[in-house]
Protein backbone atom coordinates (compact mmCIF):
# COMPACT_ATOMS: atom_id res chain seq x y z
CA MET A 1 35.92 30.79 -14.37
CA ILE A 2 38.04 28.56 -12.13
CA GLU A 3 37.72 28.59 -8.37
CA ALA A 4 40.15 31.18 -7.00
CA ASP A 5 41.98 28.72 -4.77
CA ALA A 6 42.26 25.89 -7.33
CA THR A 7 45.82 24.51 -7.47
CA PHE A 8 45.29 21.50 -9.74
CA SER A 9 46.89 18.89 -7.51
CA GLY A 10 49.46 21.42 -6.30
CA THR A 11 50.83 22.16 -9.77
CA PHE A 12 49.75 25.82 -9.51
CA PRO A 13 50.34 26.65 -5.83
CA PHE A 14 50.40 30.44 -6.15
CA THR A 15 48.32 32.84 -4.08
CA PRO A 16 45.51 34.35 -6.17
CA HIS A 17 45.27 38.14 -6.45
CA PHE A 18 42.45 40.13 -8.03
CA THR A 19 41.88 43.67 -9.26
CA ILE A 20 38.80 45.37 -10.65
CA ALA A 21 40.86 48.16 -12.22
CA PRO A 22 40.00 47.01 -15.79
CA GLY A 23 36.27 47.00 -14.99
CA PHE A 24 35.98 43.28 -14.29
CA ARG A 25 37.50 40.86 -11.78
CA MET A 26 40.95 40.19 -13.21
CA HIS A 27 43.13 37.51 -11.66
CA TYR A 28 46.89 37.70 -11.47
CA VAL A 29 49.77 35.91 -9.77
CA ASP A 30 52.19 38.18 -7.92
CA GLU A 31 55.16 36.23 -6.57
CA GLY A 32 58.63 37.22 -5.41
CA PRO A 33 60.08 40.36 -3.81
CA ARG A 34 57.89 43.42 -4.33
CA ASP A 35 60.93 45.67 -4.61
CA GLY A 36 62.46 43.54 -7.36
CA GLU A 37 62.28 44.15 -11.09
CA ALA A 38 58.91 43.09 -12.48
CA VAL A 39 58.67 40.18 -14.90
CA LEU A 40 55.26 40.40 -16.59
CA CYS A 41 54.23 37.12 -18.26
CA LEU A 42 51.45 37.27 -20.85
CA HIS A 43 49.64 34.17 -22.10
CA GLY A 44 47.66 33.61 -25.29
CA GLU A 45 44.98 31.30 -26.74
CA PRO A 46 43.53 29.17 -25.15
CA THR A 47 45.84 29.11 -22.12
CA TRP A 48 46.16 31.12 -18.91
CA GLY A 49 48.76 31.82 -16.24
CA TYR A 50 49.14 28.07 -15.70
CA LEU A 51 51.37 28.07 -18.79
CA PHE A 52 54.04 29.97 -16.82
CA ARG A 53 53.97 27.85 -13.64
CA HIS A 54 57.55 26.57 -14.04
CA LEU A 55 58.88 30.04 -14.87
CA ILE A 56 57.10 31.57 -11.87
CA SER A 57 58.74 29.09 -9.50
CA THR A 58 62.20 29.70 -10.97
CA LEU A 59 62.21 33.48 -11.37
CA SER A 60 60.31 34.49 -8.23
CA THR A 61 63.35 33.76 -6.05
CA THR A 62 64.98 36.91 -7.47
CA HIS A 63 62.27 38.87 -9.32
CA ARG A 64 58.71 40.02 -8.85
CA VAL A 65 56.77 37.82 -11.26
CA VAL A 66 53.32 39.10 -12.25
CA VAL A 67 51.16 36.81 -14.38
CA PRO A 68 47.67 38.08 -15.27
CA ASP A 69 44.88 36.05 -16.83
CA HIS A 70 43.34 37.97 -19.71
CA MET A 71 39.62 38.70 -19.57
CA GLY A 72 37.74 35.48 -20.30
CA PHE A 73 40.67 33.22 -19.46
CA GLY A 74 41.95 31.34 -16.41
CA LYS A 75 40.72 32.65 -13.08
CA SER A 76 39.65 36.01 -14.49
CA GLU A 77 36.01 36.91 -14.98
CA THR A 78 34.26 36.48 -18.34
CA PRO A 79 31.82 39.42 -18.44
CA PRO A 80 29.08 38.81 -21.04
CA GLU A 81 28.67 42.44 -22.01
CA ARG A 82 32.31 43.10 -22.93
CA SER A 83 34.09 42.72 -26.28
CA TYR A 84 37.19 40.57 -26.48
CA TRP A 85 39.30 42.15 -29.21
CA LEU A 86 43.05 42.79 -29.04
CA GLN A 87 42.54 46.45 -28.18
CA ASP A 88 40.32 45.46 -25.22
CA HIS A 89 43.03 43.18 -23.84
CA ILE A 90 45.61 45.97 -24.19
CA ASP A 91 43.28 48.32 -22.30
CA ASN A 92 42.86 45.74 -19.53
CA LEU A 93 46.58 45.08 -19.20
CA GLU A 94 47.30 48.81 -19.10
CA ALA A 95 44.78 49.20 -16.25
CA LEU A 96 46.46 46.41 -14.27
CA VAL A 97 49.98 47.77 -14.81
CA LEU A 98 48.94 51.28 -13.75
CA ALA A 99 47.02 49.98 -10.73
CA LEU A 100 50.10 48.04 -9.56
CA ASP A 101 52.43 50.83 -10.77
CA LEU A 102 54.75 48.30 -12.38
CA THR A 103 58.02 49.74 -13.69
CA ASP A 104 61.27 48.22 -14.98
CA ILE A 105 59.08 45.59 -16.63
CA THR A 106 60.49 42.60 -18.46
CA LEU A 107 57.79 41.43 -20.84
CA VAL A 108 57.60 37.66 -21.39
CA MET A 109 55.07 37.12 -24.16
CA HIS A 110 53.56 33.96 -25.63
CA ASP A 111 51.11 33.74 -28.54
CA PHE A 112 48.64 36.66 -28.47
CA GLY A 113 50.40 37.86 -25.34
CA GLY A 114 52.86 39.28 -27.89
CA PRO A 115 50.50 41.81 -29.50
CA VAL A 116 49.03 42.63 -26.07
CA GLY A 117 52.44 43.21 -24.51
CA MET A 118 53.74 45.23 -27.44
CA GLY A 119 50.57 47.30 -27.23
CA LEU A 120 51.45 48.11 -23.63
CA ALA A 121 55.01 48.94 -24.73
CA ALA A 122 53.68 51.34 -27.36
CA ARG A 123 51.62 53.18 -24.73
CA HIS A 124 54.14 53.09 -21.88
CA PRO A 125 57.62 52.54 -23.33
CA LEU A 126 59.43 54.00 -20.32
CA ARG A 127 57.92 51.30 -18.07
CA ILE A 128 59.53 48.55 -20.20
CA ARG A 129 63.05 47.39 -19.39
CA ARG A 130 63.37 44.22 -21.51
CA VAL A 131 61.37 42.32 -24.13
CA ILE A 132 61.23 38.53 -24.36
CA SER A 133 59.26 36.75 -27.06
CA ALA A 134 58.54 33.04 -26.50
CA ASN A 135 56.68 32.01 -29.64
CA GLY A 136 54.93 35.36 -29.36
CA PRO A 137 54.78 37.89 -32.23
CA THR A 138 56.21 41.37 -31.64
CA PRO A 139 54.08 43.71 -33.80
CA PHE A 140 55.32 47.28 -33.43
CA GLY A 141 54.41 49.17 -36.57
CA GLN A 142 56.59 47.12 -38.94
CA ALA A 143 55.73 47.94 -42.56
CA ASP A 144 55.20 44.28 -43.53
CA LEU A 145 53.18 43.28 -40.44
CA GLY A 146 49.88 42.75 -42.25
CA GLU A 147 51.55 40.86 -45.08
CA ARG A 148 53.27 38.50 -42.63
CA VAL A 149 50.10 37.87 -40.62
CA MET A 150 48.21 36.96 -43.78
CA ALA A 151 51.00 34.75 -45.11
CA ASN A 152 51.09 32.86 -41.83
CA ALA A 153 47.30 32.49 -41.75
CA ALA A 154 47.40 30.89 -45.20
CA VAL A 155 49.52 27.94 -43.97
CA SER A 156 48.58 27.63 -40.28
CA PRO A 157 46.04 24.84 -39.52
CA TRP A 158 44.63 26.88 -36.62
CA PHE A 159 44.02 30.02 -38.67
CA GLN A 160 42.70 27.95 -41.57
CA TRP A 161 40.21 26.35 -39.19
CA ILE A 162 39.18 29.76 -37.80
CA ALA A 163 38.45 31.09 -41.29
CA LYS A 164 36.52 27.97 -42.31
CA ALA A 165 34.53 27.78 -39.06
CA GLU A 166 33.56 31.45 -39.26
CA ALA A 167 32.53 31.11 -42.91
CA GLU A 168 30.37 28.09 -42.04
CA GLY A 169 28.88 29.81 -38.99
CA VAL A 170 30.11 27.23 -36.48
CA LEU A 171 33.01 29.04 -34.79
CA GLU A 172 31.05 30.03 -31.67
CA ALA A 173 29.43 26.61 -31.35
CA VAL A 174 32.71 24.69 -31.55
CA LEU A 175 34.77 26.99 -29.32
CA GLY A 176 31.80 27.22 -26.96
CA GLN A 177 32.57 23.57 -26.12
CA LEU A 178 36.25 24.26 -25.46
CA GLY A 179 36.13 22.58 -22.06
CA PHE A 180 35.46 19.31 -23.88
CA ASN A 181 37.74 19.74 -26.90
CA ILE A 182 40.62 21.52 -25.18
CA LEU A 183 43.17 18.78 -25.89
CA SER A 184 42.45 18.71 -29.62
CA THR A 185 42.67 22.52 -29.72
CA LEU A 186 46.01 22.53 -27.90
CA LYS A 187 47.34 19.78 -30.16
CA LEU A 188 46.19 21.61 -33.29
CA ASN A 189 48.28 24.58 -32.20
CA GLY A 190 51.06 22.24 -31.23
CA PHE A 191 53.05 20.77 -28.41
CA GLU A 192 55.42 17.86 -28.94
CA ASN A 193 55.82 16.36 -25.46
CA ASN A 194 52.81 14.13 -24.83
CA ALA A 195 54.24 13.13 -21.45
CA ILE A 196 52.91 16.39 -20.04
CA ILE A 197 49.31 15.24 -20.53
CA THR A 198 48.31 14.35 -16.98
CA ASP A 199 44.97 14.58 -15.21
CA SER A 200 46.00 17.86 -13.55
CA PHE A 201 47.23 19.29 -16.88
CA MET A 202 43.91 18.45 -18.54
CA ALA A 203 41.89 19.80 -15.63
CA ALA A 204 43.85 23.05 -15.54
CA TYR A 205 43.36 23.84 -19.21
CA ALA A 206 39.74 22.64 -19.44
CA ALA A 207 38.41 24.21 -16.22
CA PRO A 208 38.19 27.84 -17.45
CA PHE A 209 35.84 26.77 -20.26
CA ALA A 210 33.25 24.70 -18.42
CA ARG A 211 30.22 26.30 -20.14
CA PRO A 212 29.68 28.16 -23.43
CA ALA A 213 29.29 31.38 -21.42
CA ASP A 214 32.84 30.84 -20.11
CA CYS A 215 34.30 30.65 -23.63
CA LEU A 216 33.79 34.26 -24.75
CA GLY A 217 37.49 35.07 -24.46
CA ALA A 218 38.57 32.16 -26.64
CA ILE A 219 35.77 32.84 -29.14
CA GLY A 220 36.58 36.54 -29.28
CA TRP A 221 40.26 36.03 -30.00
CA ALA A 222 39.51 33.65 -32.89
CA LYS A 223 36.58 35.66 -34.25
CA GLY A 224 38.57 38.89 -34.16
CA PHE A 225 41.03 37.40 -36.64
CA ALA A 226 38.30 35.96 -38.85
CA THR A 227 36.49 39.29 -39.03
CA GLY A 228 39.47 41.68 -38.99
CA THR A 229 38.30 43.31 -35.76
CA HIS A 230 41.58 43.21 -33.83
CA ARG A 231 43.58 46.45 -33.90
CA PHE A 232 47.33 46.42 -33.41
CA GLU A 233 48.61 49.33 -31.32
CA MET A 234 50.80 51.67 -33.38
CA PRO A 235 53.76 53.20 -31.54
CA ASP A 236 54.73 56.79 -32.09
CA ALA A 237 58.31 57.66 -33.06
CA ALA A 238 59.38 58.30 -29.45
CA ALA A 239 58.05 54.94 -28.25
CA GLU A 240 59.73 53.16 -31.13
CA ARG A 241 63.09 54.76 -30.29
CA VAL A 242 62.82 53.72 -26.65
CA ILE A 243 61.78 50.12 -27.29
CA ARG A 244 64.35 49.59 -30.05
CA GLY A 245 66.99 50.45 -27.46
CA ARG A 246 65.86 47.85 -24.93
CA PRO A 247 67.55 44.46 -24.46
CA ALA A 248 65.50 41.75 -26.15
CA LEU A 249 65.47 37.98 -26.57
CA ALA A 250 63.48 35.69 -28.84
CA ILE A 251 62.89 32.03 -28.01
CA TRP A 252 61.05 30.07 -30.68
CA GLY A 253 59.93 26.45 -30.76
CA GLU A 254 60.59 25.45 -34.35
CA ALA A 255 57.75 22.88 -34.44
CA ASP A 256 55.16 25.65 -33.98
CA ARG A 257 52.40 24.93 -36.49
CA THR A 258 50.39 28.03 -35.59
CA LEU A 259 52.94 30.85 -35.64
CA ASN A 260 55.64 30.02 -38.14
CA ALA A 261 59.16 31.25 -37.39
CA GLU A 262 59.71 32.31 -41.01
CA HIS A 263 56.80 34.72 -40.78
CA PHE A 264 57.18 36.14 -37.29
CA LEU A 265 60.85 36.08 -36.30
CA PRO A 266 61.65 38.73 -38.96
CA LEU A 267 59.28 41.09 -37.10
CA PHE A 268 61.47 40.63 -34.02
CA ALA A 269 64.73 40.93 -35.96
CA CYS A 270 63.51 44.13 -37.63
CA LEU A 271 62.81 45.70 -34.25
CA PHE A 272 65.84 44.27 -32.43
CA PRO A 273 68.51 43.57 -35.08
CA GLN A 274 71.27 42.87 -32.53
CA ALA A 275 69.18 40.72 -30.19
CA PRO A 276 69.80 36.99 -29.73
CA ILE A 277 67.33 34.50 -31.17
CA THR A 278 67.28 30.96 -29.76
CA ARG A 279 65.45 28.42 -31.89
CA LEU A 280 64.41 25.22 -30.11
CA PRO A 281 64.14 22.13 -32.33
CA ALA A 282 61.39 19.57 -31.63
CA THR A 283 59.59 22.21 -29.55
CA GLY A 284 56.06 23.24 -30.44
CA HIS A 285 53.87 26.30 -30.17
CA TYR A 286 53.47 25.82 -26.42
CA CYS A 287 57.21 26.03 -25.90
CA LEU A 288 56.79 26.69 -22.18
CA GLU A 289 55.18 23.25 -21.87
CA ASP A 290 57.61 21.44 -24.16
CA ALA A 291 60.84 22.96 -22.81
CA PRO A 292 60.14 24.63 -19.43
CA ASP A 293 63.59 24.04 -17.92
CA ARG A 294 65.46 25.22 -21.00
CA ILE A 295 63.34 28.36 -21.24
CA ALA A 296 63.71 29.10 -17.52
CA ARG A 297 67.51 28.93 -17.92
CA LEU A 298 67.48 31.13 -21.02
CA VAL A 299 65.27 33.75 -19.37
CA GLY A 300 67.16 33.63 -16.08
CA ASP A 301 70.52 34.06 -17.84
CA PHE A 302 69.17 36.91 -19.95
CA LEU A 303 67.87 38.73 -16.87
CA SER A 304 71.20 38.39 -15.06
CA GLN A 305 73.26 39.44 -18.08
CA THR A 306 71.25 42.55 -19.01
């Protein structure tokens, strides 16, 4: 776990907030006017709220921007006795949202933040105002969800590595050293702009994983896929009607080698057939690192227009 007041050379200057509502010490950023609409930004593997630093600075002038670190990531605690499956992360996010009583939520979801955020939407559809996917899947009971996940896993270098490492019994050992191999892991998933690799960038992404005991979140997310332990939240008919009626936007870096657009954008289009989809060429899986200014403009415009 990172020191609470760590700013990484001023690149993450936001006041830390903590809650124990999910049963562990969960960190979140909470910037902007408290009476504004809430923009809830959800990271994935193996990142944390640092991924959204540019978006926080841009949107918090007009909106309340809440950015939690999932259990085992960023500045949040990594309790050794907990499990780290998708359903656990949904439970934790639900506890945070209810503790803060967030309403009129715009979800901004990257990577596994997608399934976590859509899990929240399935449980509390009336709290959701808009849905934004940024290289984040939007599973919501689509009939072909499992088929698409498996098809993607068959061609994704990251998911191929997960399956091989689990079969060989080395997954925990390798990801337990994530603080040392963070750059290779990030590059395997894919970003295109090497100019972002600075000392502060490296420190920010390596710091949460200093020891094997700090890597349980990253290990759990990978192992859950390898073992089929993650459980997608299934919406009921009422929740599906509500969410289908919400404004939505998809932003997808086309150079994503981990989550292929051909497999996951149809999930979004099935749920939101009239919603705009912006595909960003030469932009990788970590689209918020490759194209932060473009994404901030797209999100800002979408918020003002809906």
